[in-house]
Amino acid sequence: MNAWFLLAIAIMIEVVGTNSIKASEGFTKPLPTAIAIVAFVTALYLLSIITKTLPIGIVYAVWSGVGIILTAIVAYFLFDQKPDLAGFIGMAMIIGGVLVINLFSSH
């Protein structure tokens, strides 16, 4: 399977896990806690497969950048967490960094 496609899946699973941590309220709610654990184990397993073919630095930069943006978007809708201007600027810089890596990196 295409490593970039697997990375997209891993990122989506990681976003589910991250938002499940918030929903677990400090791991006091069993279902969101279980979802978080399963999501992170699955995402890390996929990451281990992805890094067999793609450079870890590129993978982790994309994973982190896209994960931050998607997590913020999901948190905006699920938890009513609205970023301020500095948050939006920071996320725009992250998107810029991910784009630079993907468009101009020799890997």
PDB file of N, CA and C in Angstrom:
ATOM      1  N   MET A   1       0.848  -1.184   0.000  1.00  0.00           N
ATOM      2  CA  MET A   1       0.000   0.000   0.000  1.00  0.00           C
ATOM      3  C   MET A   1       0.892   1.245   0.000  1.00  0.00           C
ATOM      4  N   ASN A   2       0.438   2.308  -0.605  1.00  0.00           N
ATOM      5  CA  ASN A   2       1.194   3.548  -0.710  1.00  0.00           C
ATOM      6  C   ASN A   2       1.481   4.132   0.680  1.00  0.00           C
ATOM      7  N   ALA A   3       2.741   4.452   0.934  1.00  0.00           N
ATOM      8  CA  ALA A   3       3.141   4.966   2.247  1.00  0.00           C
ATOM      9  C   ALA A   3       2.462   6.296   2.580  1.00  0.00           C
ATOM     10  N   TRP A   4       2.266   7.158   1.585  1.00  0.00           N
ATOM     11  CA  TRP A   4       1.607   8.448   1.840  1.00  0.00           C
ATOM     12  C   TRP A   4       0.144   8.250   2.213  1.00  0.00           C
ATOM     13  N   PHE A   5      -0.495   7.281   1.584  1.00  0.00           N
ATOM     14  CA  PHE A   5      -1.883   6.961   1.928  1.00  0.00           C
ATOM     15  C   PHE A   5      -1.953   6.422   3.349  1.00  0.00           C
ATOM     16  N   LEU A   6      -1.019   5.528   3.701  1.00  0.00           N
ATOM     17  CA  LEU A   6      -0.963   5.009   5.073  1.00  0.00           C
ATOM     18  C   LEU A   6      -0.709   6.130   6.076  1.00  0.00           C
ATOM     19  N   LEU A   7       0.133   7.083   5.692  1.00  0.00           N
ATOM     20  CA  LEU A   7       0.394   8.212   6.584  1.00  0.00           C
ATOM     21  C   LEU A   7      -0.885   9.012   6.824  1.00  0.00           C
ATOM     22  N   ALA A   8      -1.661   9.233   5.798  1.00  0.00           N
ATOM     23  CA  ALA A   8      -2.930   9.955   5.953  1.00  0.00           C
ATOM     24  C   ALA A   8      -3.861   9.211   6.906  1.00  0.00           C
ATOM     25  N   ILE A   9      -3.926   7.894   6.762  1.00  0.00           N
ATOM     26  CA  ILE A   9      -4.763   7.092   7.663  1.00  0.00           C
ATOM     27  C   ILE A   9      -4.237   7.170   9.092  1.00  0.00           C
ATOM     28  N   ALA A  10      -2.914   7.036   9.239  1.00  0.00           N
ATOM     29  CA  ALA A  10      -2.309   7.096  10.575  1.00  0.00           C
ATOM     30  C   ALA A  10      -2.584   8.438  11.246  1.00  0.00           C
ATOM     31  N   ILE A  11      -2.519   9.510  10.485  1.00  0.00           N
ATOM     32  CA  ILE A  11      -2.782  10.841  11.036  1.00  0.00           C
ATOM     33  C   ILE A  11      -4.234  10.946  11.490  1.00  0.00           C
ATOM     34  N   MET A  12      -5.148  10.464  10.681  1.00  0.00           N
ATOM     35  CA  MET A  12      -6.564  10.523  11.075  1.00  0.00           C
ATOM     36  C   MET A  12      -6.820   9.712  12.345  1.00  0.00           C
ATOM     37  N   ILE A  13      -6.189   8.550  12.433  1.00  0.00           N
ATOM     38  CA  ILE A  13      -6.341   7.716  13.624  1.00  0.00           C
ATOM     39  C   ILE A  13      -5.732   8.414  14.839  1.00  0.00           C
ATOM     40  N   GLU A  14      -4.589   9.051  14.650  1.00  0.00           N
ATOM     41  CA  GLU A  14      -3.947   9.780  15.751  1.00  0.00           C
ATOM     42  C   GLU A  14      -4.826  10.936  16.218  1.00  0.00           C
ATOM     43  N   VAL A  15      -5.487  11.620  15.305  1.00  0.00           N
ATOM     44  CA  VAL A  15      -6.388  12.723  15.669  1.00  0.00           C
ATOM     45  C   VAL A  15      -7.563  12.189  16.487  1.00  0.00           C
ATOM     46  N   VAL A  16      -8.088  11.034  16.105  1.00  0.00           N
ATOM     47  CA  VAL A  16      -9.152  10.403  16.897  1.00  0.00           C
ATOM     48  C   VAL A  16      -8.639  10.109  18.307  1.00  0.00           C
ATOM     49  N   GLY A  17      -7.429   9.558  18.385  1.00  0.00           N
ATOM     50  CA  GLY A  17      -6.846   9.250  19.690  1.00  0.00           C
ATOM     51  C   GLY A  17      -6.634  10.479  20.548  1.00  0.00           C
ATOM     52  N   THR A  18      -6.109  11.526  19.953  1.00  0.00           N
ATOM     53  CA  THR A  18      -5.842  12.757  20.699  1.00  0.00           C
ATOM     54  C   THR A  18      -7.134  13.371  21.229  1.00  0.00           C
ATOM     55  N   ASN A  19      -8.153  13.432  20.393  1.00  0.00           N
ATOM     56  CA  ASN A  19      -9.422  13.997  20.853  1.00  0.00           C
ATOM     57  C   ASN A  19     -10.127  13.074  21.837  1.00  0.00           C
ATOM     58  N   SER A  20      -9.858  11.775  21.750  1.00  0.00           N
ATOM     59  CA  SER A  20     -10.404  10.848  22.738  1.00  0.00           C
ATOM     60  C   SER A  20      -9.774  11.063  24.106  1.00  0.00           C
ATOM     61  N   ILE A  21      -8.521  11.491  24.127  1.00  0.00           N
ATOM     62  CA  ILE A  21      -7.891  11.818  25.413  1.00  0.00           C
ATOM     63  C   ILE A  21      -8.662  12.945  26.091  1.00  0.00           C
ATOM     64  N   LYS A  22      -9.002  13.969  25.331  1.00  0.00           N
ATOM     65  CA  LYS A  22      -9.795  15.075  25.884  1.00  0.00           C
ATOM     66  C   LYS A  22     -11.144  14.560  26.380  1.00  0.00           C
ATOM     67  N   ALA A  23     -11.790  13.735  25.569  1.00  0.00           N
ATOM     68  CA  ALA A  23     -13.115  13.205  25.928  1.00  0.00           C
ATOM     69  C   ALA A  23     -13.053  12.253  27.121  1.00  0.00           C
ATOM     70  N   SER A  24     -11.884  11.665  27.366  1.00  0.00           N
ATOM     71  CA  SER A  24     -11.760  10.706  28.476  1.00  0.00           C
ATOM     72  C   SER A  24     -11.735  11.381  29.843  1.00  0.00           C
ATOM     73  N   GLU A  25     -11.568  12.700  29.834  1.00  0.00           N
ATOM     74  CA  GLU A  25     -11.522  13.480  31.086  1.00  0.00           C
ATOM     75  C   GLU A  25     -10.532  12.873  32.086  1.00  0.00           C
ATOM     76  N   GLY A  26      -9.282  12.843  31.644  1.00  0.00           N
ATOM     77  CA  GLY A  26      -8.221  12.327  32.516  1.00  0.00           C
ATOM     78  C   GLY A  26      -8.269  10.815  32.678  1.00  0.00           C
ATOM     79  N   PHE A  27      -8.681  10.129  31.634  1.00  0.00           N
ATOM     80  CA  PHE A  27      -8.825   8.673  31.636  1.00  0.00           C
ATOM     81  C   PHE A  27      -9.812   8.171  32.690  1.00  0.00           C
ATOM     82  N   THR A  28     -10.839   8.967  32.966  1.00  0.00           N
ATOM     83  CA  THR A  28     -11.866   8.549  33.918  1.00  0.00           C
ATOM     84  C   THR A  28     -13.094   7.959  33.222  1.00  0.00           C
ATOM     85  N   LYS A  29     -13.174   8.123  31.906  1.00  0.00           N
ATOM     86  CA  LYS A  29     -14.282   7.547  31.134  1.00  0.00           C
ATOM     87  C   LYS A  29     -13.736   6.387  30.310  1.00  0.00           C
ATOM     88  N   PRO A  30     -14.250   5.176  30.567  1.00  0.00           N
ATOM     89  CA  PRO A  30     -13.660   3.983  29.937  1.00  0.00           C
ATOM     90  C   PRO A  30     -13.689   3.963  28.406  1.00  0.00           C
ATOM     91  N   LEU A  31     -14.792   4.315  27.782  1.00  0.00           N
ATOM     92  CA  LEU A  31     -14.865   4.204  26.325  1.00  0.00           C
ATOM     93  C   LEU A  31     -13.887   5.138  25.607  1.00  0.00           C
ATOM     94  N   PRO A  32     -13.876   6.440  25.938  1.00  0.00           N
ATOM     95  CA  PRO A  32     -12.888   7.298  25.271  1.00  0.00           C
ATOM     96  C   PRO A  32     -11.440   6.903  25.596  1.00  0.00           C
ATOM     97  N   THR A  33     -11.226   6.392  26.799  1.00  0.00           N
ATOM     98  CA  THR A  33      -9.888   5.922  27.172  1.00  0.00           C
ATOM     99  C   THR A  33      -9.472   4.751  26.289  1.00  0.00           C
ATOM    100  N   ALA A  34     -10.362   3.784  26.117  1.00  0.00           N
ATOM    101  CA  ALA A  34     -10.060   2.622  25.272  1.00  0.00           C
ATOM    102  C   ALA A  34      -9.841   3.044  23.820  1.00  0.00           C
ATOM    103  N   ILE A  35     -10.668   3.963  23.342  1.00  0.00           N
ATOM    104  CA  ILE A  35     -10.502   4.448  21.972  1.00  0.00           C
ATOM    105  C   ILE A  35      -9.141   5.114  21.802  1.00  0.00           C
ATOM    106  N   ALA A  36      -8.739   5.925  22.783  1.00  0.00           N
ATOM    107  CA  ALA A  36      -7.445   6.607  22.715  1.00  0.00           C
ATOM    108  C   ALA A  36      -6.298   5.598  22.655  1.00  0.00           C
ATOM    109  N   ILE A  37      -6.342   4.600  23.497  1.00  0.00           N
ATOM    110  CA  ILE A  37      -5.265   3.607  23.545  1.00  0.00           C
ATOM    111  C   ILE A  37      -5.182   2.835  22.234  1.00  0.00           C
ATOM    112  N   VAL A  38      -6.320   2.349  21.759  1.00  0.00           N
ATOM    113  CA  VAL A  38      -6.337   1.589  20.505  1.00  0.00           C
ATOM    114  C   VAL A  38      -5.890   2.467  19.336  1.00  0.00           C
ATOM    115  N   ALA A  39      -6.357   3.709  19.321  1.00  0.00           N
ATOM    116  CA  ALA A  39      -5.994   4.618  18.230  1.00  0.00           C
ATOM    117  C   ALA A  39      -4.489   4.876  18.204  1.00  0.00           C
ATOM    118  N   PHE A  40      -3.898   5.139  19.358  1.00  0.00           N
ATOM    119  CA  PHE A  40      -2.463   5.422  19.385  1.00  0.00           C
ATOM    120  C   PHE A  40      -1.626   4.201  19.042  1.00  0.00           C
ATOM    121  N   VAL A  41      -2.004   3.047  19.534  1.00  0.00           N
ATOM    122  CA  VAL A  41      -1.264   1.827  19.186  1.00  0.00           C
ATOM    123  C   VAL A  41      -1.351   1.580  17.684  1.00  0.00           C
ATOM    124  N   THR A  42      -2.540   1.743  17.116  1.00  0.00           N
ATOM    125  CA  THR A  42      -2.723   1.540  15.677  1.00  0.00           C
ATOM    126  C   THR A  42      -1.930   2.559  14.872  1.00  0.00           C
ATOM    127  N   ALA A  43      -2.010   3.821  15.276  1.00  0.00           N
ATOM    128  CA  ALA A  43      -1.292   4.878  14.554  1.00  0.00           C
ATOM    129  C   ALA A  43       0.220   4.651  14.606  1.00  0.00           C
ATOM    130  N   LEU A  44       0.728   4.266  15.752  1.00  0.00           N
ATOM    131  CA  LEU A  44       2.166   4.012  15.866  1.00  0.00           C
ATOM    132  C   LEU A  44       2.587   2.786  15.069  1.00  0.00           C
ATOM    133  N   TYR A  45       1.742   1.784  15.025  1.00  0.00           N
ATOM    134  CA  TYR A  45       2.041   0.619  14.188  1.00  0.00           C
ATOM    135  C   TYR A  45       2.135   1.042  12.723  1.00  0.00           C
ATOM    136  N   LEU A  46       1.164   1.816  12.262  1.00  0.00           N
ATOM    137  CA  LEU A  46       1.216   2.305  10.880  1.00  0.00           C
ATOM    138  C   LEU A  46       2.456   3.155  10.644  1.00  0.00           C
ATOM    139  N   LEU A  47       2.811   3.983  11.625  1.00  0.00           N
ATOM    140  CA  LEU A  47       4.014   4.805  11.502  1.00  0.00           C
ATOM    141  C   LEU A  47       5.250   3.923  11.333  1.00  0.00           C
ATOM    142  N   SER A  48       5.296   2.810  12.041  1.00  0.00           N
ATOM    143  CA  SER A  48       6.448   1.912  11.911  1.00  0.00           C
ATOM    144  C   SER A  48       6.534   1.317  10.506  1.00  0.00           C
ATOM    145  N   ILE A  49       5.404   1.074   9.885  1.00  0.00           N
ATOM    146  CA  ILE A  49       5.393   0.555   8.508  1.00  0.00           C
ATOM    147  C   ILE A  49       5.810   1.655   7.534  1.00  0.00           C
ATOM    148  N   ILE A  50       5.272   2.840   7.735  1.00  0.00           N
ATOM    149  CA  ILE A  50       5.545   3.972   6.841  1.00  0.00           C
ATOM    150  C   ILE A  50       7.031   4.308   6.801  1.00  0.00           C
ATOM    151  N   THR A  51       7.670   4.265   7.967  1.00  0.00           N
ATOM    152  CA  THR A  51       9.078   4.668   8.031  1.00  0.00           C
ATOM    153  C   THR A  51      10.023   3.640   7.410  1.00  0.00           C
ATOM    154  N   LYS A  52       9.495   2.522   6.948  1.00  0.00           N
ATOM    155  CA  LYS A  52      10.322   1.589   6.185  1.00  0.00           C
ATOM    156  C   LYS A  52      10.628   2.146   4.800  1.00  0.00           C
ATOM    157  N   THR A  53       9.745   3.016   4.284  1.00  0.00           N
ATOM    158  CA  THR A  53       9.930   3.519   2.924  1.00  0.00           C
ATOM    159  C   THR A  53      10.105   5.037   2.840  1.00  0.00           C
ATOM    160  N   LEU A  54       9.639   5.762   3.823  1.00  0.00           N
ATOM    161  CA  LEU A  54       9.778   7.223   3.810  1.00  0.00           C
ATOM    162  C   LEU A  54      10.702   7.668   4.930  1.00  0.00           C
ATOM    163  N   PRO A  55      11.448   8.755   4.744  1.00  0.00           N
ATOM    164  CA  PRO A  55      12.360   9.244   5.790  1.00  0.00           C
ATOM    165  C   PRO A  55      11.596   9.686   7.040  1.00  0.00           C
ATOM    166  N   ILE A  56      12.088   9.295   8.188  1.00  0.00           N
ATOM    167  CA  ILE A  56      11.417   9.578   9.463  1.00  0.00           C
ATOM    168  C   ILE A  56      11.229  11.084   9.685  1.00  0.00           C
ATOM    169  N   GLY A  57      12.199  11.890   9.299  1.00  0.00           N
ATOM    170  CA  GLY A  57      12.075  13.343   9.495  1.00  0.00           C
ATOM    171  C   GLY A  57      10.911  13.927   8.716  1.00  0.00           C
ATOM    172  N   ILE A  58      10.762  13.498   7.473  1.00  0.00           N
ATOM    173  CA  ILE A  58       9.660  13.970   6.639  1.00  0.00           C
ATOM    174  C   ILE A  58       8.336  13.452   7.197  1.00  0.00           C
ATOM    175  N   VAL A  59       8.297  12.171   7.516  1.00  0.00           N
ATOM    176  CA  VAL A  59       7.074  11.553   8.045  1.00  0.00           C
ATOM    177  C   VAL A  59       6.629  12.259   9.317  1.00  0.00           C
ATOM    178  N   TYR A  60       7.575  12.486  10.225  1.00  0.00           N
ATOM    179  CA  TYR A  60       7.193  13.076  11.508  1.00  0.00           C
ATOM    180  C   TYR A  60       6.774  14.533  11.353  1.00  0.00           C
ATOM    181  N   ALA A  61       7.408  15.254  10.440  1.00  0.00           N
ATOM    182  CA  ALA A  61       7.005  16.647  10.202  1.00  0.00           C
ATOM    183  C   ALA A  61       5.585  16.709   9.665  1.00  0.00           C
ATOM    184  N   VAL A  62       5.274  15.861   8.703  1.00  0.00           N
ATOM    185  CA  VAL A  62       3.918  15.845   8.146  1.00  0.00           C
ATOM    186  C   VAL A  62       2.930  15.366   9.205  1.00  0.00           C
ATOM    187  N   TRP A  63       3.267  14.289   9.887  1.00  0.00           N
ATOM    188  CA  TRP A  63       2.426  13.727  10.954  1.00  0.00           C
ATOM    189  C   TRP A  63       2.096  14.804  11.988  1.00  0.00           C
ATOM    190  N   SER A  64       3.115  15.495  12.463  1.00  0.00           N
ATOM    191  CA  SER A  64       2.916  16.515  13.503  1.00  0.00           C
ATOM    192  C   SER A  64       2.104  17.692  12.987  1.00  0.00           C
ATOM    193  N   GLY A  65       2.511  18.223  11.842  1.00  0.00           N
ATOM    194  CA  GLY A  65       1.856  19.412  11.315  1.00  0.00           C
ATOM    195  C   GLY A  65       0.402  19.187  10.973  1.00  0.00           C
ATOM    196  N   VAL A  66       0.141  18.149  10.214  1.00  0.00           N
ATOM    197  CA  VAL A  66      -1.240  17.867   9.820  1.00  0.00           C
ATOM    198  C   VAL A  66      -2.056  17.453  11.040  1.00  0.00           C
ATOM    199  N   GLY A  67      -1.445  16.678  11.922  1.00  0.00           N
ATOM    200  CA  GLY A  67      -2.149  16.263  13.145  1.00  0.00           C
ATOM    201  C   GLY A  67      -2.556  17.437  14.014  1.00  0.00           C
ATOM    202  N   ILE A  68      -1.683  18.424  14.140  1.00  0.00           N
ATOM    203  CA  ILE A  68      -2.004  19.617  14.939  1.00  0.00           C
ATOM    204  C   ILE A  68      -3.189  20.361  14.337  1.00  0.00           C
ATOM    205  N   ILE A  69      -3.153  20.555  13.039  1.00  0.00           N
ATOM    206  CA  ILE A  69      -4.226  21.290  12.365  1.00  0.00           C
ATOM    207  C   ILE A  69      -5.554  20.542  12.488  1.00  0.00           C
ATOM    208  N   LEU A  70      -5.546  19.255  12.181  1.00  0.00           N
ATOM    209  CA  LEU A  70      -6.792  18.482  12.249  1.00  0.00           C
ATOM    210  C   LEU A  70      -7.323  18.381  13.674  1.00  0.00           C
ATOM    211  N   THR A  71      -6.421  18.230  14.640  1.00  0.00           N
ATOM    212  CA  THR A  71      -6.847  18.169  16.035  1.00  0.00           C
ATOM    213  C   THR A  71      -7.501  19.482  16.448  1.00  0.00           C
ATOM    214  N   ALA A  72      -6.929  20.598  16.030  1.00  0.00           N
ATOM    215  CA  ALA A  72      -7.512  21.901  16.345  1.00  0.00           C
ATOM    216  C   ALA A  72      -8.890  22.062  15.706  1.00  0.00           C
ATOM    217  N   ILE A  73      -9.034  21.587  14.478  1.00  0.00           N
ATOM    218  CA  ILE A  73     -10.331  21.686  13.796  1.00  0.00           C
ATOM    219  C   ILE A  73     -11.381  20.834  14.513  1.00  0.00           C
ATOM    220  N   VAL A  74     -11.022  19.603  14.832  1.00  0.00           N
ATOM    221  CA  VAL A  74     -11.962  18.717  15.533  1.00  0.00           C
ATOM    222  C   VAL A  74     -12.316  19.292  16.901  1.00  0.00           C
ATOM    223  N   ALA A  75     -11.318  19.788  17.636  1.00  0.00           N
ATOM    224  CA  ALA A  75     -11.570  20.369  18.964  1.00  0.00           C
ATOM    225  C   ALA A  75     -12.456  21.605  18.873  1.00  0.00           C
ATOM    226  N   TYR A  76     -12.338  22.337  17.792  1.00  0.00           N
ATOM    227  CA  TYR A  76     -13.190  23.512  17.583  1.00  0.00           C
ATOM    228  C   TYR A  76     -14.657  23.090  17.548  1.00  0.00           C
ATOM    229  N   PHE A  77     -14.948  22.020  16.827  1.00  0.00           N
ATOM    230  CA  PHE A  77     -16.336  21.583  16.673  1.00  0.00           C
ATOM    231  C   PHE A  77     -16.834  20.722  17.831  1.00  0.00           C
ATOM    232  N   LEU A  78     -15.992  19.827  18.350  1.00  0.00           N
ATOM    233  CA  LEU A  78     -16.440  18.928  19.413  1.00  0.00           C
ATOM    234  C   LEU A  78     -16.415  19.559  20.803  1.00  0.00           C
ATOM    235  N   PHE A  79     -15.401  20.378  21.059  1.00  0.00           N
ATOM    236  CA  PHE A  79     -15.199  20.893  22.413  1.00  0.00           C
ATOM    237  C   PHE A  79     -15.314  22.410  22.500  1.00  0.00           C
ATOM    238  N   ASP A  80     -15.705  23.047  21.398  1.00  0.00           N
ATOM    239  CA  ASP A  80     -15.883  24.503  21.347  1.00  0.00           C
ATOM    240  C   ASP A  80     -14.604  25.245  21.759  1.00  0.00           C
ATOM    241  N   GLN A  81     -13.461  24.703  21.364  1.00  0.00           N
ATOM    242  CA  GLN A  81     -12.178  25.328  21.666  1.00  0.00           C
ATOM    243  C   GLN A  81     -11.750  26.154  20.463  1.00  0.00           C
ATOM    244  N   LYS A  82     -11.903  27.451  20.587  1.00  0.00           N
ATOM    245  CA  LYS A  82     -11.620  28.357  19.477  1.00  0.00           C
ATOM    246  C   LYS A  82     -10.227  28.969  19.631  1.00  0.00           C
ATOM    247  N   PRO A  83      -9.355  28.743  18.644  1.00  0.00           N
ATOM    248  CA  PRO A  83      -8.024  29.354  18.719  1.00  0.00           C
ATOM    249  C   PRO A  83      -8.109  30.881  18.599  1.00  0.00           C
ATOM    250  N   ASP A  84      -7.183  31.568  19.249  1.00  0.00           N
ATOM    251  CA  ASP A  84      -7.110  33.021  19.097  1.00  0.00           C
ATOM    252  C   ASP A  84      -6.247  33.346  17.877  1.00  0.00           C
ATOM    253  N   LEU A  85      -5.992  34.621  17.645  1.00  0.00           N
ATOM    254  CA  LEU A  85      -5.227  35.044  16.478  1.00  0.00           C
ATOM    255  C   LEU A  85      -3.840  34.397  16.446  1.00  0.00           C
ATOM    256  N   ALA A  86      -3.174  34.369  17.592  1.00  0.00           N
ATOM    257  CA  ALA A  86      -1.845  33.750  17.643  1.00  0.00           C
ATOM    258  C   ALA A  86      -1.921  32.268  17.277  1.00  0.00           C
ATOM    259  N   GLY A  87      -2.989  31.593  17.699  1.00  0.00           N
ATOM    260  CA  GLY A  87      -3.172  30.186  17.354  1.00  0.00           C
ATOM    261  C   GLY A  87      -3.328  29.986  15.861  1.00  0.00           C
ATOM    262  N   PHE A  88      -4.130  30.856  15.241  1.00  0.00           N
ATOM    263  CA  PHE A  88      -4.313  30.754  13.790  1.00  0.00           C
ATOM    264  C   PHE A  88      -3.009  31.046  13.042  1.00  0.00           C
ATOM    265  N   ILE A  89      -2.276  32.035  13.504  1.00  0.00           N
ATOM    266  CA  ILE A  89      -0.995  32.364  12.861  1.00  0.00           C
ATOM    267  C   ILE A  89      -0.024  31.194  12.999  1.00  0.00           C
ATOM    268  N   GLY A  90       0.039  30.623  14.187  1.00  0.00           N
ATOM    269  CA  GLY A  90       0.924  29.480  14.407  1.00  0.00           C
ATOM    270  C   GLY A  90       0.560  28.291  13.535  1.00  0.00           C
ATOM    271  N   MET A  91      -0.732  28.018  13.418  1.00  0.00           N
ATOM    272  CA  MET A  91      -1.162  26.903  12.567  1.00  0.00           C
ATOM    273  C   MET A  91      -0.869  27.183  11.092  1.00  0.00           C
ATOM    274  N   ALA A  92      -1.001  28.434  10.683  1.00  0.00           N
ATOM    275  CA  ALA A  92      -0.661  28.795   9.300  1.00  0.00           C
ATOM    276  C   ALA A  92       0.828  28.566   9.048  1.00  0.00           C
ATOM    277  N   MET A  93       1.647  28.871  10.041  1.00  0.00           N
ATOM    278  CA  MET A  93       3.088  28.639   9.896  1.00  0.00           C
ATOM    279  C   MET A  93       3.389  27.139   9.802  1.00  0.00           C
ATOM    280  N   ILE A  94       2.655  26.337  10.559  1.00  0.00           N
ATOM    281  CA  ILE A  94       2.839  24.885  10.498  1.00  0.00           C
ATOM    282  C   ILE A  94       2.476  24.374   9.110  1.00  0.00           C
ATOM    283  N   ILE A  95       1.332  24.822   8.594  1.00  0.00           N
ATOM    284  CA  ILE A  95       0.928  24.422   7.245  1.00  0.00           C
ATOM    285  C   ILE A  95       2.001  24.820   6.239  1.00  0.00           C
ATOM    286  N   GLY A  96       2.534  26.029   6.384  1.00  0.00           N
ATOM    287  CA  GLY A  96       3.607  26.484   5.498  1.00  0.00           C
ATOM    288  C   GLY A  96       4.815  25.580   5.577  1.00  0.00           C
ATOM    289  N   GLY A  97       5.190  25.188   6.770  1.00  0.00           N
ATOM    290  CA  GLY A  97       6.333  24.301   6.941  1.00  0.00           C
ATOM    291  C   GLY A  97       6.121  22.940   6.303  1.00  0.00           C
ATOM    292  N   VAL A  98       4.938  22.381   6.483  1.00  0.00           N
ATOM    293  CA  VAL A  98       4.626  21.082   5.875  1.00  0.00           C
ATOM    294  C   VAL A  98       4.645  21.202   4.353  1.00  0.00           C
ATOM    295  N   LEU A  99       4.109  22.291   3.827  1.00  0.00           N
ATOM    296  CA  LEU A  99       4.132  22.498   2.380  1.00  0.00           C
ATOM    297  C   LEU A  99       5.558  22.622   1.848  1.00  0.00           C
ATOM    298  N   VAL A 100       6.399  23.379   2.542  1.00  0.00           N
ATOM    299  CA  VAL A 100       7.789  23.521   2.115  1.00  0.00           C
ATOM    300  C   VAL A 100       8.481  22.170   2.085  1.00  0.00           C
ATOM    301  N   ILE A 101       8.269  21.376   3.124  1.00  0.00           N
ATOM    302  CA  ILE A 101       8.897  20.059   3.175  1.00  0.00           C
ATOM    303  C   ILE A 101       8.435  19.199   2.001  1.00  0.00           C
ATOM    304  N   ASN A 102       7.128  19.182   1.768  1.00  0.00           N
ATOM    305  CA  ASN A 102       6.603  18.307   0.724  1.00  0.00           C
ATOM    306  C   ASN A 102       6.901  18.804  -0.689  1.00  0.00           C
ATOM    307  N   LEU A 103       6.962  20.105  -0.883  1.00  0.00           N
ATOM    308  CA  LEU A 103       7.183  20.638  -2.211  1.00  0.00           C
ATOM    309  C   LEU A 103       8.663  20.762  -2.588  1.00  0.00           C
ATOM    310  N   PHE A 104       9.519  20.972  -1.601  1.00  0.00           N
ATOM    311  CA  PHE A 104      10.911  21.304  -1.922  1.00  0.00           C
ATOM    312  C   PHE A 104      11.940  20.324  -1.376  1.00  0.00           C
ATOM    313  N   SER A 105      11.540  19.372  -0.549  1.00  0.00           N
ATOM    314  CA  SER A 105      12.501  18.422  -0.018  1.00  0.00           C
ATOM    315  C   SER A 105      12.901  17.439  -1.111  1.00  0.00           C
ATOM    316  N   SER A 106      14.154  17.047  -1.115  1.00  0.00           N
ATOM    317  CA  SER A 106      14.636  16.100  -2.124  1.00  0.00           C
ATOM    318  C   SER A 106      14.212  14.671  -1.831  1.00  0.00           C
ATOM    319  N   HIS A 107      13.620  14.439  -0.677  1.00  0.00           N
ATOM    320  CA  HIS A 107      13.166  13.082  -0.335  1.00  0.00           C
ATOM    321  C   HIS A 107      11.756  12.942  -0.782  1.00  0.00           C
TER     322      HIS A 107
END
